[in-house]
């Protein structure tokens, strides 16, 4: 996969100190990664690069929303996300990205691409179980919710216990309580 140029930061020409980069992430960014879980994306990325003499410190902060489908009703809704991630870029003999928060690049490297880190940070910010806020507070009026309530096993068990109790069991229950 060819890296996107707008996410490549040439750090060689930068002075020692902090530098700020801002990115606006939209749906086309995830189409590039062939990730189809999101209906729409509107996320702001604030990246602060702190250049030091022997390493780089990158601080990613994201905030915004992704439009996803609810796991219960399949209704689309906007899931707000906020997250933060710190990455240290060191210089070594060969490229090594096996650590989560440390990236080692070969000596002589003059730029670093951050698109993969932004992608992973956004994807990992979305909760595993996505539930529409209307389901949680009871304001969502959906055919799927009505059908789920109708077919709920708890309701069936309550109806069966009320209707199908043999009166002989009631007298046996009295034996347990008459101690």
N, C-alpha and C. Protein backbone atom coordinates (compact mmCIF):
# COMPACT_ATOMS: atom_id res chain seq x y z
N UNK A 1 0.83 -1.17 0.00
CA UNK A 1 0.00 0.00 0.00
C UNK A 1 0.89 1.24 0.00
N UNK A 2 0.62 2.11 -0.94
CA UNK A 2 1.41 3.32 -1.10
C UNK A 2 0.98 4.35 -0.05
N UNK A 3 1.94 4.95 0.67
CA UNK A 3 1.57 5.92 1.71
C UNK A 3 0.97 7.20 1.12
N UNK A 4 0.02 7.76 1.84
CA UNK A 4 -0.58 9.04 1.44
C UNK A 4 0.39 10.17 1.78
N UNK A 5 0.62 11.07 0.82
CA UNK A 5 1.64 12.10 1.00
C UNK A 5 1.31 13.11 2.10
N UNK A 6 0.01 13.40 2.30
CA UNK A 6 -0.32 14.42 3.30
C UNK A 6 -0.05 13.96 4.73
N UNK A 7 0.17 12.66 4.93
CA UNK A 7 0.47 12.14 6.26
C UNK A 7 1.96 11.84 6.46
N UNK A 8 2.77 12.26 5.51
CA UNK A 8 4.21 12.10 5.62
C UNK A 8 4.80 13.40 6.15
N UNK A 9 5.52 13.30 7.26
CA UNK A 9 6.10 14.49 7.89
C UNK A 9 7.61 14.47 7.68
N UNK A 10 8.13 15.42 6.88
CA UNK A 10 9.60 15.52 6.74
C UNK A 10 10.16 16.27 7.94
N UNK A 11 10.85 15.56 8.82
CA UNK A 11 11.31 16.16 10.07
C UNK A 11 12.74 16.70 10.00
N UNK A 12 13.44 16.44 8.89
CA UNK A 12 14.84 16.88 8.78
C UNK A 12 14.95 18.40 8.80
N UNK A 13 14.07 19.10 8.14
CA UNK A 13 14.16 20.55 8.06
C UNK A 13 13.58 21.28 9.26
N UNK A 14 13.00 20.55 10.19
CA UNK A 14 12.37 21.18 11.34
C UNK A 14 13.39 21.50 12.42
N UNK A 15 13.15 22.60 13.13
CA UNK A 15 14.02 22.97 14.25
C UNK A 15 13.70 22.11 15.46
N UNK A 16 14.64 22.03 16.40
CA UNK A 16 14.40 21.29 17.64
C UNK A 16 13.33 22.05 18.42
N UNK A 17 12.33 21.29 18.88
CA UNK A 17 11.20 21.90 19.59
C UNK A 17 9.89 21.28 19.12
N UNK A 18 8.79 21.93 19.51
CA UNK A 18 7.46 21.39 19.20
C UNK A 18 6.91 21.98 17.91
N UNK A 19 6.26 21.10 17.14
CA UNK A 19 5.64 21.49 15.89
C UNK A 19 4.25 20.85 15.85
N UNK A 20 3.26 21.61 15.39
CA UNK A 20 1.89 21.11 15.39
C UNK A 20 1.40 20.85 13.97
N UNK A 21 0.70 19.69 13.83
CA UNK A 21 0.11 19.32 12.55
C UNK A 21 -1.35 18.97 12.81
N UNK A 22 -2.23 19.39 11.91
CA UNK A 22 -3.65 19.09 12.06
C UNK A 22 -4.15 18.40 10.80
N UNK A 23 -4.99 17.39 11.02
CA UNK A 23 -5.56 16.63 9.91
C UNK A 23 -7.07 16.52 10.11
N UNK A 24 -7.79 16.55 9.02
CA UNK A 24 -9.24 16.33 9.02
C UNK A 24 -9.46 14.98 8.33
N UNK A 25 -9.96 14.00 9.10
CA UNK A 25 -10.15 12.65 8.57
C UNK A 25 -11.60 12.48 8.16
N UNK A 26 -11.80 12.02 6.93
CA UNK A 26 -13.15 11.78 6.42
C UNK A 26 -13.24 10.36 5.86
N UNK A 27 -14.37 10.02 5.29
CA UNK A 27 -14.64 8.67 4.83
C UNK A 27 -13.63 8.20 3.78
N UNK A 28 -13.12 9.08 2.94
CA UNK A 28 -12.18 8.68 1.89
C UNK A 28 -10.90 8.09 2.47
N UNK A 29 -10.51 8.53 3.65
CA UNK A 29 -9.33 8.00 4.32
C UNK A 29 -9.51 6.51 4.59
N UNK A 30 -10.69 6.10 5.04
CA UNK A 30 -10.94 4.69 5.35
C UNK A 30 -11.21 3.88 4.08
N UNK A 31 -11.66 4.51 3.03
CA UNK A 31 -11.80 3.81 1.74
C UNK A 31 -10.42 3.43 1.23
N UNK A 32 -9.43 4.26 1.49
CA UNK A 32 -8.05 3.95 1.10
C UNK A 32 -7.56 2.68 1.79
N UNK A 33 -7.97 2.48 3.06
CA UNK A 33 -7.59 1.30 3.81
C UNK A 33 -8.55 0.12 3.58
N UNK A 34 -9.57 0.33 2.76
CA UNK A 34 -10.60 -0.67 2.46
C UNK A 34 -11.32 -1.12 3.74
N UNK A 35 -11.57 -0.17 4.63
CA UNK A 35 -12.27 -0.43 5.89
C UNK A 35 -13.70 0.08 5.72
N UNK A 36 -14.66 -0.83 5.82
CA UNK A 36 -16.04 -0.49 5.48
C UNK A 36 -17.00 -0.52 6.67
N UNK A 37 -16.49 -0.45 7.90
CA UNK A 37 -17.35 -0.49 9.08
C UNK A 37 -18.05 0.84 9.33
N UNK A 38 -17.49 1.94 8.83
CA UNK A 38 -18.04 3.26 9.10
C UNK A 38 -18.88 3.74 7.92
N UNK A 39 -20.04 4.36 8.23
CA UNK A 39 -20.87 4.96 7.19
C UNK A 39 -20.34 6.35 6.83
N UNK A 40 -19.89 7.07 7.83
CA UNK A 40 -19.36 8.41 7.64
C UNK A 40 -18.35 8.69 8.74
N UNK A 41 -17.40 9.56 8.46
CA UNK A 41 -16.35 9.86 9.43
C UNK A 41 -16.11 11.37 9.42
N UNK A 42 -15.99 11.93 10.61
CA UNK A 42 -15.61 13.33 10.76
C UNK A 42 -14.77 13.44 12.02
N UNK A 43 -13.46 13.29 11.87
CA UNK A 43 -12.55 13.26 13.01
C UNK A 43 -11.43 14.27 12.78
N UNK A 44 -11.14 15.03 13.83
CA UNK A 44 -10.02 15.96 13.79
C UNK A 44 -8.84 15.34 14.53
N UNK A 45 -7.67 15.39 13.89
CA UNK A 45 -6.46 14.86 14.50
C UNK A 45 -5.52 16.03 14.77
N UNK A 46 -5.09 16.14 16.01
CA UNK A 46 -4.12 17.15 16.39
C UNK A 46 -2.84 16.41 16.76
N UNK A 47 -1.80 16.64 16.00
CA UNK A 47 -0.52 15.94 16.19
C UNK A 47 0.54 16.96 16.59
N UNK A 48 1.17 16.69 17.73
CA UNK A 48 2.27 17.55 18.17
C UNK A 48 3.56 16.73 18.08
N UNK A 49 4.48 17.21 17.26
CA UNK A 49 5.76 16.55 17.08
C UNK A 49 6.79 17.35 17.89
N UNK A 50 7.40 16.68 18.84
CA UNK A 50 8.44 17.31 19.66
C UNK A 50 9.78 16.74 19.19
N UNK A 51 10.51 17.55 18.43
CA UNK A 51 11.79 17.09 17.88
C UNK A 51 12.89 17.36 18.90
N UNK A 52 13.61 16.28 19.22
CA UNK A 52 14.76 16.39 20.12
C UNK A 52 16.00 15.98 19.34
N UNK A 53 17.16 16.11 19.93
CA UNK A 53 18.40 15.85 19.19
C UNK A 53 18.55 14.39 18.78
N UNK A 54 18.05 13.43 19.59
CA UNK A 54 18.25 12.02 19.27
C UNK A 54 16.97 11.26 18.97
N UNK A 55 15.81 11.88 19.16
CA UNK A 55 14.56 11.18 18.90
C UNK A 55 13.43 12.16 18.63
N UNK A 56 12.28 11.61 18.25
CA UNK A 56 11.07 12.40 18.02
C UNK A 56 9.97 11.87 18.93
N UNK A 57 9.22 12.77 19.54
CA UNK A 57 8.05 12.37 20.32
C UNK A 57 6.82 12.90 19.61
N UNK A 58 5.90 11.99 19.32
CA UNK A 58 4.66 12.36 18.64
C UNK A 58 3.50 12.14 19.60
N UNK A 59 2.64 13.15 19.73
CA UNK A 59 1.45 13.04 20.56
C UNK A 59 0.24 13.25 19.67
N UNK A 60 -0.58 12.19 19.53
CA UNK A 60 -1.78 12.24 18.72
C UNK A 60 -2.98 12.48 19.63
N UNK A 61 -3.85 13.40 19.27
CA UNK A 61 -5.13 13.59 19.96
C UNK A 61 -6.21 13.62 18.89
N UNK A 62 -7.22 12.76 19.06
CA UNK A 62 -8.31 12.74 18.10
C UNK A 62 -9.61 13.06 18.80
N UNK A 63 -10.52 13.68 18.07
CA UNK A 63 -11.87 13.92 18.57
C UNK A 63 -12.79 14.10 17.36
N UNK A 64 -14.00 13.64 17.52
CA UNK A 64 -14.98 13.74 16.44
C UNK A 64 -16.00 12.64 16.56
N UNK A 65 -16.54 12.24 15.40
CA UNK A 65 -17.52 11.16 15.42
C UNK A 65 -17.35 10.27 14.20
N UNK A 66 -17.80 9.03 14.36
CA UNK A 66 -17.92 8.10 13.25
C UNK A 66 -19.37 7.62 13.22
N UNK A 67 -19.94 7.54 12.05
CA UNK A 67 -21.31 7.06 11.91
C UNK A 67 -21.25 5.55 11.69
N UNK A 68 -21.81 4.79 12.64
CA UNK A 68 -21.79 3.33 12.59
C UNK A 68 -23.20 2.81 12.76
N UNK A 69 -23.39 1.52 12.45
CA UNK A 69 -24.68 0.88 12.66
C UNK A 69 -24.73 0.27 14.04
N UNK A 70 -25.89 0.38 14.68
CA UNK A 70 -26.10 -0.19 16.01
C UNK A 70 -26.06 -1.71 15.90
N UNK A 71 -25.45 -2.36 16.89
CA UNK A 71 -25.37 -3.82 16.90
C UNK A 71 -26.72 -4.46 17.22
N UNK A 72 -27.61 -3.73 17.86
CA UNK A 72 -28.91 -4.28 18.24
C UNK A 72 -29.95 -4.06 17.14
N UNK A 73 -30.06 -2.80 16.68
CA UNK A 73 -31.14 -2.46 15.74
C UNK A 73 -30.68 -2.26 14.31
N UNK A 74 -29.39 -2.17 14.09
CA UNK A 74 -28.80 -1.89 12.78
C UNK A 74 -29.14 -0.48 12.28
N UNK A 75 -29.58 0.40 13.19
CA UNK A 75 -29.86 1.79 12.86
C UNK A 75 -28.54 2.57 12.88
N UNK A 76 -28.28 3.41 11.89
CA UNK A 76 -27.05 4.21 11.92
C UNK A 76 -27.14 5.33 12.96
N UNK A 77 -26.03 5.61 13.61
CA UNK A 77 -25.96 6.73 14.55
C UNK A 77 -24.52 7.22 14.63
N UNK A 78 -24.35 8.43 15.15
CA UNK A 78 -23.03 9.02 15.30
C UNK A 78 -22.43 8.65 16.65
N UNK A 79 -21.33 7.94 16.62
CA UNK A 79 -20.61 7.55 17.83
C UNK A 79 -19.48 8.55 18.04
N UNK A 80 -19.54 9.32 19.12
CA UNK A 80 -18.45 10.26 19.38
C UNK A 80 -17.23 9.50 19.89
N UNK A 81 -16.08 9.93 19.44
CA UNK A 81 -14.84 9.29 19.87
C UNK A 81 -13.84 10.36 20.28
N UNK A 82 -13.02 9.99 21.24
CA UNK A 82 -11.94 10.84 21.70
C UNK A 82 -10.83 9.92 22.19
N UNK A 83 -9.61 10.19 21.80
CA UNK A 83 -8.52 9.32 22.22
C UNK A 83 -7.20 10.07 22.12
N UNK A 84 -6.19 9.48 22.71
CA UNK A 84 -4.86 10.07 22.73
C UNK A 84 -3.82 8.96 22.64
N UNK A 85 -2.70 9.25 21.97
CA UNK A 85 -1.66 8.23 21.80
C UNK A 85 -0.31 8.92 21.70
N UNK A 86 0.69 8.35 22.36
CA UNK A 86 2.05 8.88 22.29
C UNK A 86 2.94 7.87 21.57
N UNK A 87 3.77 8.38 20.67
CA UNK A 87 4.68 7.54 19.90
C UNK A 87 6.08 8.16 19.97
N UNK A 88 7.06 7.31 20.20
CA UNK A 88 8.46 7.75 20.22
C UNK A 88 9.14 7.17 18.99
N UNK A 89 9.78 8.03 18.22
CA UNK A 89 10.51 7.60 17.03
C UNK A 89 12.00 7.70 17.35
N UNK A 90 12.67 6.54 17.32
CA UNK A 90 14.11 6.48 17.59
C UNK A 90 14.84 6.12 16.31
N UNK A 91 16.13 6.33 16.32
CA UNK A 91 16.96 6.00 15.17
C UNK A 91 17.83 4.80 15.52
N UNK A 92 17.88 3.83 14.59
CA UNK A 92 18.66 2.62 14.82
C UNK A 92 19.25 2.10 13.53
N UNK A 93 19.68 0.83 13.56
CA UNK A 93 20.31 0.23 12.38
C UNK A 93 19.29 -0.15 11.32
N UNK A 94 18.12 -0.63 11.74
CA UNK A 94 17.11 -1.05 10.77
C UNK A 94 15.71 -0.69 11.26
N UNK A 95 14.77 -0.68 10.32
CA UNK A 95 13.37 -0.34 10.63
C UNK A 95 12.76 -1.41 11.54
N UNK A 96 12.07 -0.96 12.60
CA UNK A 96 11.45 -1.90 13.53
C UNK A 96 10.20 -1.24 14.13
N UNK A 97 9.04 -1.85 13.89
CA UNK A 97 7.79 -1.31 14.43
C UNK A 97 7.04 -2.35 15.26
N UNK A 98 7.77 -3.28 15.88
CA UNK A 98 7.09 -4.34 16.63
C UNK A 98 6.55 -3.86 17.97
N UNK A 99 7.01 -2.74 18.48
CA UNK A 99 6.48 -2.19 19.73
C UNK A 99 5.31 -1.26 19.42
N UNK A 100 4.35 -1.18 20.35
CA UNK A 100 3.17 -0.35 20.13
C UNK A 100 3.49 1.14 20.11
N UNK A 101 4.34 1.58 21.02
CA UNK A 101 4.56 3.02 21.17
C UNK A 101 5.98 3.46 20.84
N UNK A 102 6.77 2.58 20.23
CA UNK A 102 8.13 2.93 19.81
C UNK A 102 8.32 2.50 18.35
N UNK A 103 8.80 3.42 17.55
CA UNK A 103 9.11 3.14 16.15
C UNK A 103 10.60 3.41 15.96
N UNK A 104 11.30 2.43 15.44
CA UNK A 104 12.73 2.60 15.18
C UNK A 104 12.92 2.69 13.66
N UNK A 105 13.52 3.78 13.23
CA UNK A 105 13.78 3.99 11.80
C UNK A 105 15.29 4.03 11.57
N UNK A 106 15.74 3.64 10.37
CA UNK A 106 17.18 3.63 10.10
C UNK A 106 17.79 5.04 10.15
N UNK A 107 19.06 5.11 10.50
CA UNK A 107 19.78 6.39 10.44
C UNK A 107 19.71 6.91 9.02
N UNK A 108 19.56 8.20 8.87
CA UNK A 108 19.47 8.80 7.54
C UNK A 108 18.04 8.98 7.07
N UNK A 109 17.09 8.46 7.79
CA UNK A 109 15.68 8.67 7.43
C UNK A 109 15.34 10.14 7.65
N UNK A 110 14.61 10.71 6.71
CA UNK A 110 14.33 12.15 6.81
C UNK A 110 12.83 12.45 6.95
N UNK A 111 11.99 11.40 6.93
CA UNK A 111 10.55 11.63 7.07
C UNK A 111 9.90 10.42 7.74
N UNK A 112 8.72 10.67 8.31
CA UNK A 112 7.97 9.59 8.95
C UNK A 112 6.50 9.73 8.51
N UNK A 113 5.88 8.59 8.20
CA UNK A 113 4.49 8.58 7.78
C UNK A 113 3.62 8.14 8.96
N UNK A 114 2.57 8.91 9.26
CA UNK A 114 1.75 8.66 10.44
C UNK A 114 0.35 8.14 10.11
N UNK A 115 0.08 7.82 8.85
CA UNK A 115 -1.28 7.43 8.48
C UNK A 115 -1.74 6.15 9.17
N UNK A 116 -0.87 5.17 9.34
CA UNK A 116 -1.25 3.91 9.98
C UNK A 116 -1.60 4.12 11.45
N UNK A 117 -0.87 5.00 12.11
CA UNK A 117 -1.14 5.27 13.52
C UNK A 117 -2.47 6.00 13.70
N UNK A 118 -2.78 6.91 12.80
CA UNK A 118 -4.07 7.62 12.85
C UNK A 118 -5.21 6.64 12.59
N UNK A 119 -5.03 5.79 11.60
CA UNK A 119 -6.05 4.77 11.27
C UNK A 119 -6.33 3.87 12.47
N UNK A 120 -5.28 3.32 13.08
CA UNK A 120 -5.46 2.41 14.21
C UNK A 120 -6.04 3.13 15.42
N UNK A 121 -5.66 4.37 15.65
CA UNK A 121 -6.17 5.12 16.78
C UNK A 121 -7.67 5.36 16.66
N UNK A 122 -8.13 5.67 15.47
CA UNK A 122 -9.56 5.90 15.26
C UNK A 122 -10.34 4.60 15.38
N UNK A 123 -9.87 3.55 14.73
CA UNK A 123 -10.58 2.26 14.76
C UNK A 123 -10.66 1.72 16.18
N UNK A 124 -9.58 1.85 16.95
CA UNK A 124 -9.57 1.34 18.31
C UNK A 124 -10.33 2.23 19.29
N UNK A 125 -10.70 3.43 18.88
CA UNK A 125 -11.47 4.33 19.75
C UNK A 125 -12.96 3.99 19.75
N UNK A 126 -13.42 3.29 18.73
CA UNK A 126 -14.83 2.94 18.64
C UNK A 126 -15.10 1.76 19.58
N UNK A 127 -16.15 1.84 20.39
CA UNK A 127 -16.43 0.73 21.32
C UNK A 127 -16.69 -0.58 20.58
N UNK A 128 -16.39 -1.69 21.25
CA UNK A 128 -16.60 -3.00 20.64
C UNK A 128 -18.10 -3.24 20.43
N UNK A 129 -18.88 -2.95 21.44
CA UNK A 129 -20.33 -3.10 21.32
C UNK A 129 -20.93 -1.72 21.07
N UNK A 130 -21.50 -1.56 19.89
CA UNK A 130 -22.04 -0.27 19.49
C UNK A 130 -23.55 -0.28 19.66
N UNK A 131 -24.04 0.51 20.61
CA UNK A 131 -25.48 0.55 20.89
C UNK A 131 -25.97 1.97 20.70
N UNK A 132 -27.01 2.11 19.90
CA UNK A 132 -27.65 3.40 19.63
C UNK A 132 -28.08 4.03 20.95
N UNK A 133 -27.82 5.32 21.15
CA UNK A 133 -28.22 5.97 22.41
C UNK A 133 -29.73 5.88 22.64
N UNK A 134 -30.52 5.83 21.59
CA UNK A 134 -31.96 5.70 21.72
C UNK A 134 -32.39 4.36 22.29
N UNK A 135 -31.58 3.33 22.09
CA UNK A 135 -31.89 2.01 22.65
C UNK A 135 -31.66 2.05 24.16
N UNK A 136 -30.59 2.71 24.58
CA UNK A 136 -30.25 2.75 26.00
C UNK A 136 -31.26 3.56 26.81
N UNK A 137 -31.73 4.69 26.26
CA UNK A 137 -32.68 5.50 27.04
C UNK A 137 -34.13 5.25 26.67
N UNK A 138 -34.39 4.36 25.70
CA UNK A 138 -35.75 3.97 25.36
C UNK A 138 -36.48 4.91 24.43
N UNK A 139 -35.79 5.84 23.80
CA UNK A 139 -36.47 6.80 22.92
C UNK A 139 -36.51 6.36 21.46
N UNK A 140 -35.74 5.36 21.10
CA UNK A 140 -35.70 4.91 19.71
C UNK A 140 -36.93 4.06 19.40
N UNK A 141 -37.66 4.44 18.36
CA UNK A 141 -38.84 3.68 17.93
C UNK A 141 -38.45 2.91 16.67
N UNK A 142 -38.23 1.62 16.82
CA UNK A 142 -37.74 0.81 15.72
C UNK A 142 -38.54 -0.49 15.63
N UNK A 143 -38.79 -0.94 14.42
CA UNK A 143 -39.49 -2.20 14.21
C UNK A 143 -38.69 -3.37 14.77
N UNK A 144 -37.38 -3.30 14.64
CA UNK A 144 -36.52 -4.38 15.14
C UNK A 144 -36.63 -4.49 16.65
N UNK A 145 -36.64 -3.33 17.35
CA UNK A 145 -36.77 -3.37 18.81
C UNK A 145 -38.10 -3.97 19.24
N UNK A 146 -39.17 -3.61 18.53
CA UNK A 146 -40.49 -4.16 18.86
C UNK A 146 -40.50 -5.68 18.68
N UNK A 147 -39.90 -6.14 17.61
CA UNK A 147 -39.86 -7.57 17.34
C UNK A 147 -39.00 -8.29 18.38
N UNK A 148 -37.88 -7.67 18.77
CA UNK A 148 -37.02 -8.26 19.80
C UNK A 148 -37.76 -8.37 21.14
N UNK A 149 -38.52 -7.35 21.49
CA UNK A 149 -39.29 -7.40 22.73
C UNK A 149 -40.36 -8.49 22.66
N UNK A 150 -40.98 -8.62 21.49
CA UNK A 150 -42.03 -9.62 21.31
C UNK A 150 -41.47 -11.03 21.43
N UNK A 151 -40.28 -11.25 20.90
CA UNK A 151 -39.69 -12.59 20.89
C UNK A 151 -38.75 -12.83 22.06
N UNK A 152 -38.71 -11.92 22.99
CA UNK A 152 -37.82 -12.04 24.13
C UNK A 152 -38.14 -13.27 24.96
N UNK A 153 -37.15 -14.10 25.28
CA UNK A 153 -37.40 -15.32 26.05
C UNK A 153 -37.89 -15.04 27.47
N UNK A 154 -37.53 -13.92 28.07
CA UNK A 154 -37.96 -13.59 29.42
C UNK A 154 -39.47 -13.43 29.47
N UNK A 155 -40.03 -12.78 28.48
CA UNK A 155 -41.48 -12.58 28.46
C UNK A 155 -42.21 -13.91 28.29
N UNK A 156 -41.68 -14.77 27.44
CA UNK A 156 -42.32 -16.07 27.22
C UNK A 156 -42.33 -16.89 28.50
N UNK A 157 -41.22 -16.88 29.22
CA UNK A 157 -41.13 -17.67 30.46
C UNK A 157 -42.14 -17.18 31.49
N UNK A 158 -42.31 -15.86 31.60
CA UNK A 158 -43.26 -15.31 32.56
C UNK A 158 -44.68 -15.74 32.21
N UNK A 159 -45.04 -15.67 30.93
CA UNK A 159 -46.38 -16.06 30.51
C UNK A 159 -46.62 -17.55 30.79
N UNK A 160 -45.63 -18.37 30.48
CA UNK A 160 -45.78 -19.81 30.68
C UNK A 160 -45.92 -20.13 32.17
N UNK A 161 -45.17 -19.45 33.02
CA UNK A 161 -45.25 -19.76 34.45
C UNK A 161 -46.61 -19.37 35.02
N UNK A 162 -47.19 -18.29 34.51
CA UNK A 162 -48.50 -17.87 35.00
C UNK A 162 -49.60 -18.82 34.53
N UNK A 163 -49.54 -19.26 33.28
CA UNK A 163 -50.62 -20.04 32.69
C UNK A 163 -50.52 -21.54 32.99
N UNK A 164 -49.33 -22.09 32.98
CA UNK A 164 -49.17 -23.54 33.01
C UNK A 164 -48.86 -24.13 34.38
N UNK A 165 -49.10 -23.41 35.46
CA UNK A 165 -48.80 -23.95 36.78
C UNK A 165 -49.94 -24.90 37.20
N UNK A 166 -49.55 -26.09 37.52
CA UNK A 166 -50.50 -27.08 38.01
C UNK A 166 -50.82 -26.74 39.48
N UNK A 167 -52.09 -26.69 39.88
CA UNK A 167 -52.45 -26.30 41.25
C UNK A 167 -51.85 -27.22 42.32
N UNK A 168 -51.51 -28.46 41.95
CA UNK A 168 -50.91 -29.37 42.92
C UNK A 168 -49.54 -28.88 43.37
N UNK A 169 -48.83 -28.16 42.50
CA UNK A 169 -47.51 -27.64 42.86
C UNK A 169 -47.62 -26.60 43.97
N UNK A 170 -48.71 -25.85 43.96
CA UNK A 170 -48.89 -24.83 45.00
C UNK A 170 -48.95 -25.46 46.38
N UNK A 171 -49.65 -26.60 46.50
CA UNK A 171 -49.73 -27.26 47.80
C UNK A 171 -48.38 -27.84 48.20
N UNK A 172 -47.60 -28.29 47.23
CA UNK A 172 -46.25 -28.78 47.55
C UNK A 172 -45.34 -27.63 47.99
N UNK A 173 -45.52 -26.47 47.41
CA UNK A 173 -44.71 -25.31 47.80
C UNK A 173 -45.02 -24.92 49.24
N UNK A 174 -46.25 -25.13 49.67
CA UNK A 174 -46.61 -24.81 51.05
C UNK A 174 -45.82 -25.69 52.02
N UNK A 175 -45.55 -26.93 51.64
CA UNK A 175 -44.78 -27.81 52.50
C UNK A 175 -43.37 -27.24 52.77
N UNK A 176 -42.80 -26.60 51.75
CA UNK A 176 -41.48 -26.03 51.93
C UNK A 176 -41.50 -24.83 52.87
N UNK A 177 -42.55 -24.07 52.84
CA UNK A 177 -42.61 -22.87 53.68
C UNK A 177 -43.20 -23.12 55.06
N UNK A 178 -43.82 -24.27 55.33
CA UNK A 178 -44.44 -24.55 56.61
C UNK A 178 -43.49 -25.21 57.60
N UNK A 179 -42.34 -24.74 57.77
CA UNK A 179 -41.35 -25.38 58.64
C UNK A 179 -41.59 -25.03 60.09
